[in-house]
Amino acid sequence: MKITKNAMREFIKHKLATDKQFSEKALFKIYESQTLEEQSLDNTSCSNNVGFTSFDSFILSQFAKSITDKRKKDPTYQFSKIQLGVLFKKMPKYWKQILNICDKDKLEKYYIKHMRHTGIQMSMKV
């Protein structure tokens, strides 16, 4: 069985908008995919379809740096409710980058496990 791209897109977008751990991991993965210059400037300087948009680059880069620095001192540090709300609002647009970064087999297994757990009808091609 193969999961449709549309189903995977909706699943990833949903997870990015609602799942704190999934969204945080995605934030760090996208931040790491930016160029070193973009990371140091907290800005998008390359038009390479990788990393944050120019509109999101400052705040999301700051989130990634801030949480990394604070967790060095306190590994249990978490985003504030306001930061998490911003993260949930902004991250779904990066679903395609996450799809391209992730191990496809692991992502499909995670999708199937999630759908079985929630009882949601799966959209698959046979």
C-alpha atoms as a PDB file:
ATOM      1  CA  MET A   1       0.000   0.000   0.000  1.00  0.00           C
ATOM      2  CA  LYS A   2       1.132   3.518  -0.756  1.00  0.00           C
ATOM      3  CA  ILE A   3      -0.112   6.599   1.035  1.00  0.00           C
ATOM      4  CA  THR A   4      -1.228   9.363  -1.300  1.00  0.00           C
ATOM      5  CA  LYS A   5       0.744  12.597  -1.394  1.00  0.00           C
ATOM      6  CA  ASN A   6      -2.410  14.527  -0.527  1.00  0.00           C
ATOM      7  CA  ALA A   7      -3.001  12.379   2.558  1.00  0.00           C
ATOM      8  CA  MET A   8       0.616  12.765   3.656  1.00  0.00           C
ATOM      9  CA  ARG A   9       0.482  16.531   3.083  1.00  0.00           C
ATOM     10  CA  GLU A  10      -2.611  16.859   5.258  1.00  0.00           C
ATOM     11  CA  PHE A  11      -1.108  14.605   7.923  1.00  0.00           C
ATOM     12  CA  ILE A  12       2.154  16.565   8.102  1.00  0.00           C
ATOM     13  CA  LYS A  13       0.333  19.901   8.135  1.00  0.00           C
ATOM     14  CA  HIS A  14      -1.911  18.647  10.926  1.00  0.00           C
ATOM     15  CA  LYS A  15       1.057  17.433  12.979  1.00  0.00           C
ATOM     16  CA  LEU A  16       2.927  20.715  12.443  1.00  0.00           C
ATOM     17  CA  ALA A  17      -0.117  22.664  13.635  1.00  0.00           C
ATOM     18  CA  THR A  18      -0.969  20.541  16.669  1.00  0.00           C
ATOM     19  CA  ASP A  19       1.908  18.351  17.853  1.00  0.00           C
ATOM     20  CA  LYS A  20       4.499  20.201  19.946  1.00  0.00           C
ATOM     21  CA  GLN A  21       7.256  17.596  19.594  1.00  0.00           C
ATOM     22  CA  PHE A  22       6.740  17.121  15.845  1.00  0.00           C
ATOM     23  CA  SER A  23       6.642  20.880  15.225  1.00  0.00           C
ATOM     24  CA  GLU A  24       9.759  21.521  17.328  1.00  0.00           C
ATOM     25  CA  LYS A  25      11.732  18.823  15.532  1.00  0.00           C
ATOM     26  CA  ALA A  26      10.612  20.254  12.203  1.00  0.00           C
ATOM     27  CA  LEU A  27      11.663  23.757  13.287  1.00  0.00           C
ATOM     28  CA  PHE A  28      15.175  22.523  14.075  1.00  0.00           C
ATOM     29  CA  LYS A  29      15.434  20.477  10.864  1.00  0.00           C
ATOM     30  CA  ILE A  30      14.465  23.450   8.715  1.00  0.00           C
ATOM     31  CA  TYR A  31      16.728  25.795  10.672  1.00  0.00           C
ATOM     32  CA  GLU A  32      19.633  23.374  10.147  1.00  0.00           C
ATOM     33  CA  SER A  33      18.914  23.270   6.408  1.00  0.00           C
ATOM     34  CA  GLN A  34      19.466  27.013   6.085  1.00  0.00           C
ATOM     35  CA  THR A  35      22.841  28.293   4.976  1.00  0.00           C
ATOM     36  CA  LEU A  36      25.281  29.363   7.701  1.00  0.00           C
ATOM     37  CA  GLU A  37      24.876  32.943   6.545  1.00  0.00           C
ATOM     38  CA  GLU A  38      21.091  32.735   6.916  1.00  0.00           C
ATOM     39  CA  GLN A  39      21.482  31.223  10.373  1.00  0.00           C
ATOM     40  CA  SER A  40      23.851  33.949  11.528  1.00  0.00           C
ATOM     41  CA  LEU A  41      21.731  36.779  10.085  1.00  0.00           C
ATOM     42  CA  ASP A  42      18.321  35.313  11.060  1.00  0.00           C
ATOM     43  CA  ASN A  43      17.278  36.169   7.541  1.00  0.00           C
ATOM     44  CA  THR A  44      16.731  34.476   4.198  1.00  0.00           C
ATOM     45  CA  SER A  45      19.438  35.442   1.740  1.00  0.00           C
ATOM     46  CA  CYS A  46      19.286  32.585  -0.771  1.00  0.00           C
ATOM     47  CA  SER A  47      16.357  31.801  -3.001  1.00  0.00           C
ATOM     48  CA  ASN A  48      16.857  28.031  -2.870  1.00  0.00           C
ATOM     49  CA  ASN A  49      13.450  26.795  -1.620  1.00  0.00           C
ATOM     50  CA  VAL A  50      15.160  25.557   1.545  1.00  0.00           C
ATOM     51  CA  GLY A  51      14.728  27.010   4.991  1.00  0.00           C
ATOM     52  CA  PHE A  52      12.305  29.631   6.207  1.00  0.00           C
ATOM     53  CA  THR A  53      10.540  32.236   4.102  1.00  0.00           C
ATOM     54  CA  SER A  54      11.841  35.786   4.369  1.00  0.00           C
ATOM     55  CA  PHE A  55       8.727  36.696   6.358  1.00  0.00           C
ATOM     56  CA  ASP A  56       9.259  33.900   8.915  1.00  0.00           C
ATOM     57  CA  SER A  57      13.035  33.692   9.002  1.00  0.00           C
ATOM     58  CA  PHE A  58      13.696  36.138  11.827  1.00  0.00           C
ATOM     59  CA  ILE A  59      11.181  34.850  14.349  1.00  0.00           C
ATOM     60  CA  LEU A  60      11.604  31.147  13.609  1.00  0.00           C
ATOM     61  CA  SER A  61      15.405  31.420  13.600  1.00  0.00           C
ATOM     62  CA  GLN A  62      15.203  33.226  16.934  1.00  0.00           C
ATOM     63  CA  PHE A  63      12.965  30.458  18.308  1.00  0.00           C
ATOM     64  CA  ALA A  64      15.430  27.773  17.200  1.00  0.00           C
ATOM     65  CA  LYS A  65      18.431  29.601  18.670  1.00  0.00           C
ATOM     66  CA  SER A  66      16.649  30.585  21.862  1.00  0.00           C
ATOM     67  CA  ILE A  67      15.348  27.133  22.712  1.00  0.00           C
ATOM     68  CA  THR A  68      18.730  25.554  21.917  1.00  0.00           C
ATOM     69  CA  ASP A  69      20.564  28.017  24.190  1.00  0.00           C
ATOM     70  CA  LYS A  70      18.038  27.727  27.020  1.00  0.00           C
ATOM     71  CA  ARG A  71      18.011  23.916  26.895  1.00  0.00           C
ATOM     72  CA  LYS A  72      21.788  23.884  27.365  1.00  0.00           C
ATOM     73  CA  LYS A  73      21.152  25.347  30.833  1.00  0.00           C
ATOM     74  CA  ASP A  74      17.830  23.618  31.481  1.00  0.00           C
ATOM     75  CA  PRO A  75      17.086  20.534  29.335  1.00  0.00           C
ATOM     76  CA  THR A  76      13.416  20.665  30.377  1.00  0.00           C
ATOM     77  CA  TYR A  77      12.882  24.199  29.039  1.00  0.00           C
ATOM     78  CA  GLN A  78       9.779  24.509  26.843  1.00  0.00           C
ATOM     79  CA  PHE A  79       8.327  27.095  24.499  1.00  0.00           C
ATOM     80  CA  SER A  80       5.893  29.527  26.084  1.00  0.00           C
ATOM     81  CA  LYS A  81       2.215  29.202  25.115  1.00  0.00           C
ATOM     82  CA  ILE A  82       2.552  32.284  22.902  1.00  0.00           C
ATOM     83  CA  GLN A  83       5.666  30.935  21.162  1.00  0.00           C
ATOM     84  CA  LEU A  84       3.981  27.577  20.667  1.00  0.00           C
ATOM     85  CA  GLY A  85       0.943  29.308  19.161  1.00  0.00           C
ATOM     86  CA  VAL A  86       3.186  31.144  16.693  1.00  0.00           C
ATOM     87  CA  LEU A  87       5.024  27.913  15.883  1.00  0.00           C
ATOM     88  CA  PHE A  88       1.755  26.050  15.246  1.00  0.00           C
ATOM     89  CA  LYS A  89       0.533  28.855  13.002  1.00  0.00           C
ATOM     90  CA  LYS A  90       3.702  29.193  10.919  1.00  0.00           C
ATOM     91  CA  MET A  91       5.053  25.652  10.584  1.00  0.00           C
ATOM     92  CA  PRO A  92       2.358  23.966   8.432  1.00  0.00           C
ATOM     93  CA  LYS A  93       3.517  25.862   5.350  1.00  0.00           C
ATOM     94  CA  TYR A  94       6.820  23.949   5.559  1.00  0.00           C
ATOM     95  CA  TRP A  95       5.176  20.529   5.140  1.00  0.00           C
ATOM     96  CA  LYS A  96       6.883  19.854   1.808  1.00  0.00           C
ATOM     97  CA  GLN A  97      10.361  20.467   3.196  1.00  0.00           C
ATOM     98  CA  ILE A  98       9.589  18.126   6.072  1.00  0.00           C
ATOM     99  CA  LEU A  99       8.341  15.488   3.637  1.00  0.00           C
ATOM    100  CA  ASN A 100      11.595  15.818   1.674  1.00  0.00           C
ATOM    101  CA  ILE A 101      13.809  15.735   4.785  1.00  0.00           C
ATOM    102  CA  CYS A 102      12.162  12.818   6.588  1.00  0.00           C
ATOM    103  CA  ASP A 103      12.845   9.146   6.110  1.00  0.00           C
ATOM    104  CA  LYS A 104       9.847   8.170   3.946  1.00  0.00           C
ATOM    105  CA  ASP A 105       9.476   4.675   5.414  1.00  0.00           C
ATOM    106  CA  LYS A 106       9.494   5.959   8.995  1.00  0.00           C
ATOM    107  CA  LEU A 107       7.047   8.714   8.092  1.00  0.00           C
ATOM    108  CA  GLU A 108       4.659   6.232   6.454  1.00  0.00           C
ATOM    109  CA  LYS A 109       4.829   3.940   9.503  1.00  0.00           C
ATOM    110  CA  TYR A 110       4.168   6.936  11.764  1.00  0.00           C
ATOM    111  CA  TYR A 111       1.224   7.937   9.565  1.00  0.00           C
ATOM    112  CA  ILE A 112      -0.301   4.447   9.690  1.00  0.00           C
ATOM    113  CA  LYS A 113       0.222   4.186  13.458  1.00  0.00           C
ATOM    114  CA  HIS A 114      -1.366   7.599  13.971  1.00  0.00           C
ATOM    115  CA  MET A 115      -4.347   6.767  11.763  1.00  0.00           C
ATOM    116  CA  ARG A 116      -4.942   3.452  13.524  1.00  0.00           C
ATOM    117  CA  HIS A 117      -4.649   5.124  16.914  1.00  0.00           C
ATOM    118  CA  THR A 118      -7.068   7.924  16.050  1.00  0.00           C
ATOM    119  CA  GLY A 119      -9.416   5.755  14.004  1.00  0.00           C
ATOM    120  CA  ILE A 120      -9.290   8.142  11.053  1.00  0.00           C
ATOM    121  CA  GLN A 121      -9.996   6.691   7.618  1.00  0.00           C
ATOM    122  CA  MET A 122      -6.755   6.215   5.701  1.00  0.00           C
ATOM    123  CA  SER A 123      -6.381   7.512   2.166  1.00  0.00           C
ATOM    124  CA  MET A 124      -4.163   4.971   0.435  1.00  0.00           C
ATOM    125  CA  LYS A 125      -3.564   3.666  -3.033  1.00  0.00           C
ATOM    126  CA  VAL A 126      -3.443  -0.090  -3.376  1.00  0.00           C
END
